[in-house]
């Protein structure tokens, strides 16, 4: 080996050390705790539903703000474009998105009410009835969430067909 040639392992070691130090600092950061909880919720046991980081009150407030801003923006676009005559039913497409956002509000409110998790293991009859009613409402909300996901999937596909079919 010549003195002018550089060993590739020697040039990578400072870069690798810097990368490892960065990873260590990020993993100790406070904001990274949220990402760890998300990863644990997505890949861990499904029995503990109260650990869902997306059911925290702060996150639900962010979701509410995003929904309201989207609904106001879509309504504003529909109002200011009332004189335009597009080839494809863009107003119908935007209006259906607004309807989907509006239908998401009761689901968001239900998550707000039940963000503390499930309370199984109660002993009195009244508490068991309440748990049965909560499981029924949970079943209905899961059905409505599935309906909304299907609605938005169809909305997305139809929008792509209308936009890219021309």
N, C-alpha and C. Protein backbone atom coordinates (compact mmCIF):
# COMPACT_ATOMS: atom_id res chain seq x y z
N UNK A 1 0.84 -1.17 0.00
CA UNK A 1 0.00 0.00 0.00
C UNK A 1 0.89 1.24 0.00
N UNK A 2 0.55 2.19 -0.81
CA UNK A 2 1.29 3.45 -0.90
C UNK A 2 0.95 4.36 0.26
N UNK A 3 1.82 5.30 0.54
CA UNK A 3 1.53 6.29 1.56
C UNK A 3 0.46 7.28 1.09
N UNK A 4 0.33 7.43 -0.22
CA UNK A 4 -0.67 8.36 -0.76
C UNK A 4 -2.08 7.79 -0.74
N UNK A 5 -2.21 6.47 -0.68
CA UNK A 5 -3.53 5.84 -0.67
C UNK A 5 -4.13 5.92 0.74
N UNK A 6 -5.43 6.14 0.79
CA UNK A 6 -6.12 6.26 2.07
C UNK A 6 -6.96 5.01 2.29
N UNK A 7 -6.87 4.47 3.46
CA UNK A 7 -7.64 3.30 3.82
C UNK A 7 -9.11 3.70 4.00
N UNK A 8 -10.05 3.02 3.32
CA UNK A 8 -11.47 3.41 3.43
C UNK A 8 -12.02 3.26 4.84
N UNK A 9 -11.52 2.33 5.63
CA UNK A 9 -12.03 2.17 6.99
C UNK A 9 -11.62 3.34 7.87
N UNK A 10 -10.47 3.93 7.59
CA UNK A 10 -10.03 5.08 8.38
C UNK A 10 -10.87 6.31 8.08
N UNK A 11 -11.32 6.49 6.84
CA UNK A 11 -12.14 7.66 6.51
C UNK A 11 -13.57 7.49 6.99
N UNK A 12 -14.03 6.26 7.10
CA UNK A 12 -15.40 6.04 7.56
C UNK A 12 -15.52 6.09 9.07
N UNK A 13 -14.49 5.84 9.79
CA UNK A 13 -14.60 5.77 11.24
C UNK A 13 -15.00 7.11 11.88
N UNK A 14 -14.47 8.26 11.46
CA UNK A 14 -14.96 9.51 12.05
C UNK A 14 -16.43 9.76 11.70
N UNK A 15 -16.82 9.42 10.48
CA UNK A 15 -18.21 9.59 10.08
C UNK A 15 -19.12 8.66 10.88
N UNK A 16 -18.70 7.43 11.06
CA UNK A 16 -19.46 6.47 11.85
C UNK A 16 -19.56 6.91 13.31
N UNK A 17 -18.47 7.40 13.85
CA UNK A 17 -18.49 7.87 15.24
C UNK A 17 -19.44 9.06 15.39
N UNK A 18 -19.41 9.98 14.43
CA UNK A 18 -20.32 11.12 14.47
C UNK A 18 -21.77 10.67 14.38
N UNK A 19 -22.03 9.72 13.51
CA UNK A 19 -23.38 9.19 13.36
C UNK A 19 -23.85 8.51 14.65
N UNK A 20 -23.00 7.73 15.26
CA UNK A 20 -23.37 7.07 16.51
C UNK A 20 -23.62 8.07 17.64
N UNK A 21 -22.79 9.10 17.73
CA UNK A 21 -23.02 10.15 18.74
C UNK A 21 -24.34 10.86 18.51
N UNK A 22 -24.65 11.14 17.25
CA UNK A 22 -25.91 11.80 16.92
C UNK A 22 -27.10 10.93 17.29
N UNK A 23 -27.01 9.65 16.97
CA UNK A 23 -28.09 8.72 17.31
C UNK A 23 -28.29 8.65 18.82
N UNK A 24 -27.21 8.61 19.56
CA UNK A 24 -27.30 8.56 21.02
C UNK A 24 -27.94 9.83 21.58
N UNK A 25 -27.58 10.99 21.05
CA UNK A 25 -28.17 12.24 21.53
C UNK A 25 -29.65 12.32 21.21
N UNK A 26 -30.01 11.90 20.01
CA UNK A 26 -31.41 11.94 19.61
C UNK A 26 -32.23 10.99 20.47
N UNK A 27 -31.69 9.82 20.75
CA UNK A 27 -32.45 8.84 21.52
C UNK A 27 -32.67 9.29 22.97
N UNK A 28 -31.83 10.21 23.46
CA UNK A 28 -32.01 10.73 24.82
C UNK A 28 -32.86 11.99 24.86
N UNK A 29 -33.21 12.55 23.71
CA UNK A 29 -33.97 13.79 23.68
C UNK A 29 -35.39 13.56 24.18
N UNK A 30 -35.99 14.62 24.73
CA UNK A 30 -37.35 14.50 25.26
C UNK A 30 -38.36 14.22 24.17
N UNK A 31 -38.24 14.89 23.03
CA UNK A 31 -39.22 14.72 21.97
C UNK A 31 -39.16 13.33 21.36
N UNK A 32 -38.03 12.62 21.53
CA UNK A 32 -37.92 11.28 20.97
C UNK A 32 -38.75 10.28 21.77
N UNK A 33 -39.10 10.62 23.00
CA UNK A 33 -39.95 9.75 23.80
C UNK A 33 -41.29 9.51 23.14
N UNK A 34 -41.83 10.53 22.49
CA UNK A 34 -43.10 10.38 21.77
C UNK A 34 -42.95 9.36 20.65
N UNK A 35 -41.85 9.43 19.91
CA UNK A 35 -41.64 8.48 18.82
C UNK A 35 -41.45 7.06 19.35
N UNK A 36 -40.80 6.93 20.50
CA UNK A 36 -40.66 5.59 21.10
C UNK A 36 -42.01 5.04 21.49
N UNK A 37 -42.89 5.89 22.05
CA UNK A 37 -44.23 5.43 22.42
C UNK A 37 -45.03 5.03 21.19
N UNK A 38 -44.89 5.77 20.10
CA UNK A 38 -45.58 5.41 18.86
C UNK A 38 -45.08 4.07 18.35
N UNK A 39 -43.76 3.89 18.33
CA UNK A 39 -43.20 2.63 17.87
C UNK A 39 -43.65 1.48 18.76
N UNK A 40 -43.64 1.68 20.06
CA UNK A 40 -44.05 0.62 20.98
C UNK A 40 -45.53 0.32 20.81
N UNK A 41 -46.36 1.34 20.59
CA UNK A 41 -47.79 1.10 20.39
C UNK A 41 -48.03 0.34 19.10
N UNK A 42 -47.32 0.70 18.03
CA UNK A 42 -47.54 0.05 16.75
C UNK A 42 -46.99 -1.36 16.70
N UNK A 43 -45.92 -1.64 17.43
CA UNK A 43 -45.27 -2.93 17.33
C UNK A 43 -45.40 -3.78 18.58
N UNK A 44 -45.97 -3.23 19.63
CA UNK A 44 -46.06 -3.97 20.88
C UNK A 44 -47.39 -4.68 21.02
N UNK A 45 -47.70 -5.01 22.25
CA UNK A 45 -48.93 -5.71 22.56
C UNK A 45 -50.13 -4.80 22.32
N UNK A 46 -51.19 -5.35 21.78
CA UNK A 46 -52.41 -4.59 21.50
C UNK A 46 -53.35 -4.58 22.71
N UNK A 47 -52.99 -5.24 23.79
CA UNK A 47 -53.90 -5.32 24.92
C UNK A 47 -53.99 -4.03 25.70
N UNK A 48 -52.96 -3.21 25.67
CA UNK A 48 -52.95 -1.98 26.44
C UNK A 48 -53.27 -0.81 25.51
N UNK A 49 -54.56 -0.51 25.34
CA UNK A 49 -54.97 0.54 24.41
C UNK A 49 -54.77 1.93 24.99
N UNK A 50 -54.58 2.05 26.27
CA UNK A 50 -54.42 3.38 26.86
C UNK A 50 -53.06 3.98 26.54
N UNK A 51 -52.13 3.17 26.04
CA UNK A 51 -50.80 3.70 25.75
C UNK A 51 -50.72 4.34 24.37
N UNK A 52 -51.83 4.43 23.66
CA UNK A 52 -51.81 5.04 22.34
C UNK A 52 -51.45 6.51 22.45
N UNK A 53 -50.32 6.93 21.91
CA UNK A 53 -49.93 8.33 22.05
C UNK A 53 -50.80 9.28 21.24
N UNK A 54 -51.57 8.75 20.29
CA UNK A 54 -52.44 9.61 19.49
C UNK A 54 -53.78 9.87 20.17
N UNK A 55 -53.97 9.36 21.38
CA UNK A 55 -55.17 9.66 22.15
C UNK A 55 -54.89 10.63 23.28
N UNK A 56 -53.76 11.30 23.24
CA UNK A 56 -53.50 12.31 24.27
C UNK A 56 -54.32 13.55 23.93
N UNK A 57 -54.65 14.31 24.95
CA UNK A 57 -55.52 15.48 24.74
C UNK A 57 -54.84 16.52 23.85
N UNK A 58 -53.54 16.68 23.98
CA UNK A 58 -52.83 17.65 23.14
C UNK A 58 -52.90 17.24 21.67
N UNK A 59 -52.69 15.96 21.39
CA UNK A 59 -52.76 15.49 20.01
C UNK A 59 -54.17 15.66 19.45
N UNK A 60 -55.19 15.37 20.27
CA UNK A 60 -56.57 15.52 19.81
C UNK A 60 -56.91 16.97 19.52
N UNK A 61 -56.36 17.90 20.29
CA UNK A 61 -56.56 19.32 20.01
C UNK A 61 -55.92 19.69 18.68
N UNK A 62 -54.72 19.17 18.42
CA UNK A 62 -54.07 19.41 17.12
C UNK A 62 -54.91 18.87 15.97
N UNK A 63 -55.48 17.68 16.15
CA UNK A 63 -56.33 17.09 15.12
C UNK A 63 -57.57 17.94 14.89
N UNK A 64 -58.17 18.45 15.97
CA UNK A 64 -59.35 19.30 15.83
C UNK A 64 -59.01 20.58 15.08
N UNK A 65 -57.91 21.20 15.42
CA UNK A 65 -57.50 22.42 14.73
C UNK A 65 -57.26 22.14 13.25
N UNK A 66 -56.60 21.03 12.94
CA UNK A 66 -56.34 20.69 11.55
C UNK A 66 -57.63 20.45 10.78
N UNK A 67 -58.59 19.75 11.41
CA UNK A 67 -59.88 19.50 10.75
C UNK A 67 -60.63 20.81 10.48
N UNK A 68 -60.66 21.69 11.47
CA UNK A 68 -61.40 22.95 11.30
C UNK A 68 -60.73 23.81 10.23
N UNK A 69 -59.42 23.88 10.23
CA UNK A 69 -58.71 24.67 9.21
C UNK A 69 -58.98 24.10 7.82
N UNK A 70 -58.96 22.78 7.68
CA UNK A 70 -59.25 22.17 6.39
C UNK A 70 -60.67 22.45 5.94
N UNK A 71 -61.62 22.35 6.86
CA UNK A 71 -63.01 22.61 6.49
C UNK A 71 -63.22 24.06 6.07
N UNK A 72 -62.59 24.99 6.78
CA UNK A 72 -62.70 26.40 6.42
C UNK A 72 -62.03 26.65 5.06
N UNK A 73 -60.87 26.07 4.84
CA UNK A 73 -60.17 26.24 3.57
C UNK A 73 -60.95 25.69 2.39
N UNK A 74 -61.51 24.49 2.53
CA UNK A 74 -62.29 23.90 1.45
C UNK A 74 -63.54 24.73 1.17
N UNK A 75 -64.22 25.17 2.21
CA UNK A 75 -65.40 26.00 2.02
C UNK A 75 -65.04 27.31 1.33
N UNK A 76 -63.94 27.90 1.71
CA UNK A 76 -63.49 29.15 1.08
C UNK A 76 -63.20 28.94 -0.40
N UNK A 77 -62.53 27.84 -0.74
CA UNK A 77 -62.22 27.56 -2.15
C UNK A 77 -63.49 27.33 -2.95
N UNK A 78 -64.45 26.62 -2.38
CA UNK A 78 -65.71 26.38 -3.09
C UNK A 78 -66.46 27.69 -3.32
N UNK A 79 -66.45 28.58 -2.34
CA UNK A 79 -67.16 29.85 -2.47
C UNK A 79 -66.51 30.75 -3.51
N UNK A 80 -65.19 30.88 -3.48
CA UNK A 80 -64.54 31.82 -4.41
C UNK A 80 -64.47 31.27 -5.83
N UNK A 81 -64.67 29.97 -6.02
CA UNK A 81 -64.62 29.41 -7.37
C UNK A 81 -66.01 29.09 -7.90
N UNK A 82 -67.02 29.79 -7.43
CA UNK A 82 -68.39 29.47 -7.84
C UNK A 82 -68.66 29.82 -9.31
N UNK A 83 -67.91 30.75 -9.89
CA UNK A 83 -68.14 31.15 -11.29
C UNK A 83 -67.39 30.25 -12.28
N UNK A 84 -66.46 29.47 -11.81
CA UNK A 84 -65.70 28.60 -12.70
C UNK A 84 -66.52 27.38 -13.08
N UNK A 85 -66.30 26.88 -14.29
CA UNK A 85 -67.00 25.70 -14.79
C UNK A 85 -65.99 24.64 -15.21
N UNK A 86 -65.46 23.87 -14.24
CA UNK A 86 -64.47 22.85 -14.60
C UNK A 86 -65.11 21.67 -15.33
N UNK A 87 -64.28 20.93 -16.07
CA UNK A 87 -64.76 19.77 -16.81
C UNK A 87 -65.18 18.66 -15.84
N UNK A 88 -64.37 18.43 -14.82
CA UNK A 88 -64.64 17.38 -13.85
C UNK A 88 -65.36 17.98 -12.64
N UNK A 89 -66.12 17.18 -11.92
CA UNK A 89 -66.90 17.70 -10.77
C UNK A 89 -66.01 17.99 -9.56
N UNK A 90 -65.18 19.00 -9.69
CA UNK A 90 -64.24 19.34 -8.62
C UNK A 90 -64.98 19.84 -7.38
N UNK A 91 -66.04 20.62 -7.56
CA UNK A 91 -66.78 21.12 -6.38
C UNK A 91 -67.40 19.97 -5.60
N UNK A 92 -67.93 18.99 -6.33
CA UNK A 92 -68.48 17.82 -5.66
C UNK A 92 -67.40 17.07 -4.91
N UNK A 93 -66.22 16.96 -5.52
CA UNK A 93 -65.10 16.26 -4.89
C UNK A 93 -64.64 16.99 -3.63
N UNK A 94 -64.51 18.32 -3.73
CA UNK A 94 -64.10 19.10 -2.55
C UNK A 94 -65.20 19.09 -1.48
N UNK A 95 -66.46 19.18 -1.91
CA UNK A 95 -67.56 19.14 -0.94
C UNK A 95 -67.63 17.81 -0.22
N UNK A 96 -67.36 16.72 -0.93
CA UNK A 96 -67.38 15.40 -0.27
C UNK A 96 -66.22 15.28 0.72
N UNK A 97 -65.09 15.93 0.43
CA UNK A 97 -63.99 15.94 1.40
C UNK A 97 -64.41 16.69 2.66
N UNK A 98 -65.13 17.79 2.47
CA UNK A 98 -65.63 18.56 3.61
C UNK A 98 -66.61 17.72 4.43
N UNK A 99 -67.47 16.97 3.75
CA UNK A 99 -68.41 16.09 4.47
C UNK A 99 -67.65 15.04 5.26
N UNK A 100 -66.61 14.46 4.68
CA UNK A 100 -65.80 13.48 5.39
C UNK A 100 -65.14 14.08 6.62
N UNK A 101 -64.64 15.30 6.50
CA UNK A 101 -64.06 15.97 7.67
C UNK A 101 -65.12 16.23 8.73
N UNK A 102 -66.30 16.63 8.30
CA UNK A 102 -67.38 16.89 9.25
C UNK A 102 -67.78 15.60 9.98
N UNK A 103 -67.80 14.48 9.25
CA UNK A 103 -68.13 13.20 9.87
C UNK A 103 -67.01 12.69 10.79
N UNK A 104 -65.83 13.23 10.64
CA UNK A 104 -64.72 12.85 11.53
C UNK A 104 -64.83 13.51 12.90
N UNK A 105 -65.59 14.61 12.98
CA UNK A 105 -65.69 15.33 14.25
C UNK A 105 -66.31 14.50 15.38
N UNK A 106 -67.43 13.75 15.16
CA UNK A 106 -67.95 12.91 16.27
C UNK A 106 -66.95 11.85 16.72
N UNK A 107 -66.20 11.29 15.78
CA UNK A 107 -65.19 10.30 16.16
C UNK A 107 -64.10 10.94 17.00
N UNK A 108 -63.71 12.14 16.64
CA UNK A 108 -62.70 12.86 17.42
C UNK A 108 -63.23 13.19 18.81
N UNK A 109 -64.50 13.58 18.90
CA UNK A 109 -65.11 13.87 20.20
C UNK A 109 -65.17 12.61 21.05
N UNK A 110 -65.50 11.47 20.46
CA UNK A 110 -65.55 10.22 21.21
C UNK A 110 -64.16 9.86 21.74
N UNK A 111 -63.14 10.05 20.91
CA UNK A 111 -61.77 9.80 21.38
C UNK A 111 -61.39 10.74 22.51
N UNK A 112 -61.87 11.98 22.46
CA UNK A 112 -61.60 12.95 23.53
C UNK A 112 -62.22 12.46 24.84
N UNK A 113 -63.44 11.95 24.77
CA UNK A 113 -64.12 11.47 25.98
C UNK A 113 -63.47 10.21 26.55
N UNK A 114 -62.92 9.38 25.69
CA UNK A 114 -62.38 8.09 26.12
C UNK A 114 -60.86 8.02 26.04
N UNK A 115 -60.20 9.14 26.19
CA UNK A 115 -58.74 9.12 26.04
C UNK A 115 -58.02 8.56 27.26
N UNK A 116 -58.71 8.30 28.33
CA UNK A 116 -58.06 7.75 29.52
C UNK A 116 -57.89 6.24 29.47
N UNK A 117 -58.45 5.60 28.45
CA UNK A 117 -58.28 4.14 28.33
C UNK A 117 -59.48 3.39 28.86
N UNK A 118 -59.40 2.09 28.77
CA UNK A 118 -60.49 1.21 29.20
C UNK A 118 -60.42 0.98 30.70
N UNK A 119 -61.60 0.79 31.30
CA UNK A 119 -61.66 0.55 32.74
C UNK A 119 -62.25 -0.83 33.02
N UNK A 120 -61.61 -1.87 32.57
CA UNK A 120 -62.10 -3.22 32.85
C UNK A 120 -61.63 -3.66 34.21
N UNK A 121 -62.31 -4.63 34.77
CA UNK A 121 -61.95 -5.12 36.09
C UNK A 121 -62.76 -4.47 37.20
N UNK A 122 -63.82 -3.74 36.87
CA UNK A 122 -64.69 -3.14 37.88
C UNK A 122 -65.60 -4.22 38.44
N UNK A 123 -66.06 -4.05 39.67
CA UNK A 123 -66.76 -5.14 40.33
C UNK A 123 -68.27 -4.93 40.44
N UNK A 124 -68.76 -3.73 40.57
CA UNK A 124 -70.19 -3.54 40.80
C UNK A 124 -70.98 -3.72 39.51
N UNK A 125 -72.28 -4.01 39.66
CA UNK A 125 -73.14 -4.24 38.49
C UNK A 125 -73.29 -2.98 37.65
N UNK A 126 -73.41 -1.83 38.30
CA UNK A 126 -73.55 -0.58 37.57
C UNK A 126 -72.29 -0.30 36.74
N UNK A 127 -71.14 -0.56 37.32
CA UNK A 127 -69.89 -0.35 36.58
C UNK A 127 -69.74 -1.34 35.45
N UNK A 128 -70.25 -2.59 35.64
CA UNK A 128 -70.20 -3.57 34.56
C UNK A 128 -71.14 -3.18 33.42
N UNK A 129 -72.30 -2.61 33.75
CA UNK A 129 -73.20 -2.12 32.71
C UNK A 129 -72.56 -0.97 31.94
N UNK A 130 -71.90 -0.08 32.66
CA UNK A 130 -71.22 1.04 32.01
C UNK A 130 -70.13 0.52 31.08
N UNK A 131 -69.40 -0.52 31.54
CA UNK A 131 -68.35 -1.11 30.71
C UNK A 131 -68.96 -1.75 29.46
N UNK A 132 -70.13 -2.41 29.60
CA UNK A 132 -70.80 -3.00 28.45
C UNK A 132 -71.24 -1.92 27.47
N UNK A 133 -71.77 -0.80 27.98
CA UNK A 133 -72.16 0.30 27.10
C UNK A 133 -70.95 0.91 26.42
N UNK A 134 -69.84 1.03 27.14
CA UNK A 134 -68.62 1.56 26.53
C UNK A 134 -68.09 0.63 25.45
N UNK A 135 -68.20 -0.69 25.66
CA UNK A 135 -67.73 -1.60 24.63
C UNK A 135 -68.63 -1.54 23.40
N UNK A 136 -69.94 -1.32 23.59
CA UNK A 136 -70.83 -1.13 22.44
C UNK A 136 -70.49 0.14 21.69
N UNK A 137 -70.27 1.23 22.44
CA UNK A 137 -69.93 2.48 21.77
C UNK A 137 -68.56 2.36 21.09
N UNK A 138 -67.65 1.62 21.69
CA UNK A 138 -66.35 1.39 21.07
C UNK A 138 -66.53 0.62 19.77
N UNK A 139 -67.40 -0.37 19.77
CA UNK A 139 -67.68 -1.14 18.56
C UNK A 139 -68.25 -0.25 17.47
N UNK A 140 -69.22 0.60 17.84
CA UNK A 140 -69.83 1.50 16.85
C UNK A 140 -68.82 2.52 16.33
N UNK A 141 -67.96 3.04 17.20
CA UNK A 141 -66.96 4.00 16.75
C UNK A 141 -65.92 3.33 15.84
N UNK A 142 -65.57 2.08 16.13
CA UNK A 142 -64.65 1.38 15.23
C UNK A 142 -65.28 1.15 13.86
N UNK A 143 -66.59 0.85 13.85
CA UNK A 143 -67.30 0.70 12.58
C UNK A 143 -67.34 2.03 11.83
N UNK A 144 -67.61 3.13 12.54
CA UNK A 144 -67.66 4.42 11.86
C UNK A 144 -66.27 4.84 11.38
N UNK A 145 -65.24 4.52 12.12
CA UNK A 145 -63.88 4.82 11.67
C UNK A 145 -63.55 4.03 10.41
N UNK A 146 -63.97 2.76 10.37
CA UNK A 146 -63.76 1.95 9.18
C UNK A 146 -64.52 2.53 7.99
N UNK A 147 -65.76 2.99 8.23
CA UNK A 147 -66.54 3.63 7.17
C UNK A 147 -65.83 4.88 6.66
N UNK A 148 -65.31 5.70 7.56
CA UNK A 148 -64.61 6.92 7.13
C UNK A 148 -63.34 6.60 6.35
N UNK A 149 -62.61 5.58 6.78
CA UNK A 149 -61.41 5.19 6.03
C UNK A 149 -61.78 4.72 4.63
N UNK A 150 -62.86 3.96 4.51
CA UNK A 150 -63.33 3.52 3.20
C UNK A 150 -63.79 4.71 2.37
N UNK A 151 -64.51 5.63 2.99
CA UNK A 151 -64.98 6.83 2.30
C UNK A 151 -63.81 7.63 1.75
N UNK A 152 -62.78 7.87 2.57
CA UNK A 152 -61.64 8.65 2.10
C UNK A 152 -60.81 7.89 1.06
N UNK A 153 -60.77 6.56 1.14
CA UNK A 153 -60.07 5.78 0.11
C UNK A 153 -60.77 5.92 -1.24
N UNK A 154 -62.10 5.81 -1.23
CA UNK A 154 -62.87 5.98 -2.47
C UNK A 154 -62.74 7.41 -2.97
N UNK A 155 -62.78 8.38 -2.05
CA UNK A 155 -62.63 9.79 -2.43
C UNK A 155 -61.28 10.01 -3.11
N UNK A 156 -60.23 9.44 -2.56
CA UNK A 156 -58.89 9.60 -3.12
C UNK A 156 -58.78 8.97 -4.50
N UNK A 157 -59.32 7.76 -4.67
CA UNK A 157 -59.25 7.07 -5.95
C UNK A 157 -60.05 7.82 -7.01
N UNK A 158 -61.26 8.26 -6.66
CA UNK A 158 -62.07 9.01 -7.63
C UNK A 158 -61.39 10.31 -8.02
N UNK A 159 -60.79 10.99 -7.10
CA UNK A 159 -60.07 12.22 -7.41
C UNK A 159 -58.91 11.96 -8.35
N UNK A 160 -58.18 10.87 -8.14
CA UNK A 160 -57.08 10.54 -9.05
C UNK A 160 -57.60 10.18 -10.44
N UNK A 161 -58.72 9.48 -10.50
CA UNK A 161 -59.30 9.15 -11.80
C UNK A 161 -59.70 10.43 -12.52
N UNK A 162 -60.35 11.34 -11.82
CA UNK A 162 -60.79 12.59 -12.47
C UNK A 162 -59.60 13.45 -12.89
N UNK A 163 -58.58 13.54 -12.05
CA UNK A 163 -57.46 14.41 -12.35
C UNK A 163 -56.58 13.82 -13.46
N UNK A 164 -56.26 12.54 -13.38
CA UNK A 164 -55.31 11.96 -14.31
C UNK A 164 -55.96 11.34 -15.54
N UNK A 165 -57.27 11.34 -15.63
CA UNK A 165 -57.97 10.76 -16.78
C UNK A 165 -58.00 11.74 -17.95
N UNK A 166 -57.77 13.01 -17.69
CA UNK A 166 -57.87 13.99 -18.77
C UNK A 166 -56.72 13.96 -19.64
